[in-house]
Amino acid sequence: MEQAKFKISEENVNTRLDKFLKDYLGELSRVYIQELIEEGYILVNDKKVKSSYKTILNDEIVVNLKEVEELNVEAQDIPLDIVYEDKDVIVINKPQGMVVHPASGVYKDTLVNALLYHCKDLSSINGVKRPGIVHRLDKDTSGLIMVAKNDNAHNFLAEQLKDKTASRVYVALVHGKVKVKKGIINAPIGRDPKSRVKMAVVKDGKEAITEFSVLKYYHDFTLIECHLKTGRTHQIRVHMSYIGYPLVGDPLYGPRKLKYGDKQYLHAKELSFIHPTTKERVTFKTDLPEYFQNFLNKIESNN
């Protein structure tokens, strides 16, 4: 394991630990540094601390960089809907039902398996099971996802997600008629204390902000557009359920008695970010998947 050591001098006193290390380890993103701190790879005076820790004179900081594991995830010839690709980035229109990366019990037929067959070069920052993956989409969510081909691109894109300069827009169909045309949900999200597989709005959760606006009303449903200001696990699904309008077809947070096949009606329709090389903003859009549009057509006739 590669290691780096620092001793805090007067000029670096009272500086956030993650900021100090970002300045001195310029090739690593602040997001990645924060992950290393949280996982205990970075110690201050032999103790684990938080990213917000303020440095003190003569603090001894040890940075242990993860060893790059040998890639052992199988490459599979799975068709990909590639919206854009160059030497730095691939933008994929992910189908509903596809898992993004291998995890416990799921090692095949994921987006990563397909990406490894499509191209050999993917960033190594997130390890062997998540090469190139900068952000996630839930299995049952369709739409646009960006993938990094190299570590520099990965760091650059991850920083944009962190500082909210990247933009992600979703379309969702929810139960009921949303009373306000526009709204902002600002409610912290963390692990549901009652369920290991669910997230929930909890007091000590991480900041989570979702902006939404109504696109169309149906008899028993509302079609909405959501702008993510943060990227918490299941954020839109948790937030909409929290305010009383759960997603149609949501297997975790939706009404148990109301089932509409095996589809969840949440689609990442737009993705915008500053390109790692050109430094110009690029924006990609995609239509609703066929199953989503067909269901809208069906409920339109019932209006």
Foldseek 3Di string as FASTA:
>chain_A
DDKDKDFDAPVQFFPQQLVVVCVVVVLAASVLVQVCLVVVQKAWVNHRDHSRDTHDHGIMIMHHDDDADDADQAADQDDWQWPDDDQWKTKTFFDAQAFAWDDVPRRDRHVVSPVVNVDVFFACSVHNTHTQALAGDHNQETGIGMGTRYSLQSSQVNVCLVVVVKKWKKKFKWFADDPDQKDKQWFFKDCDPVDNPDIERDDPHHTWMKIKGFDDDFDGITIMMIITSHHDVCRVQRRCLVVPIHTAQDPPRDDPVHHDPNHTGMYGAKIWDQGSPVRHIDMGGDDGDPVNVVVVVVRNVVD
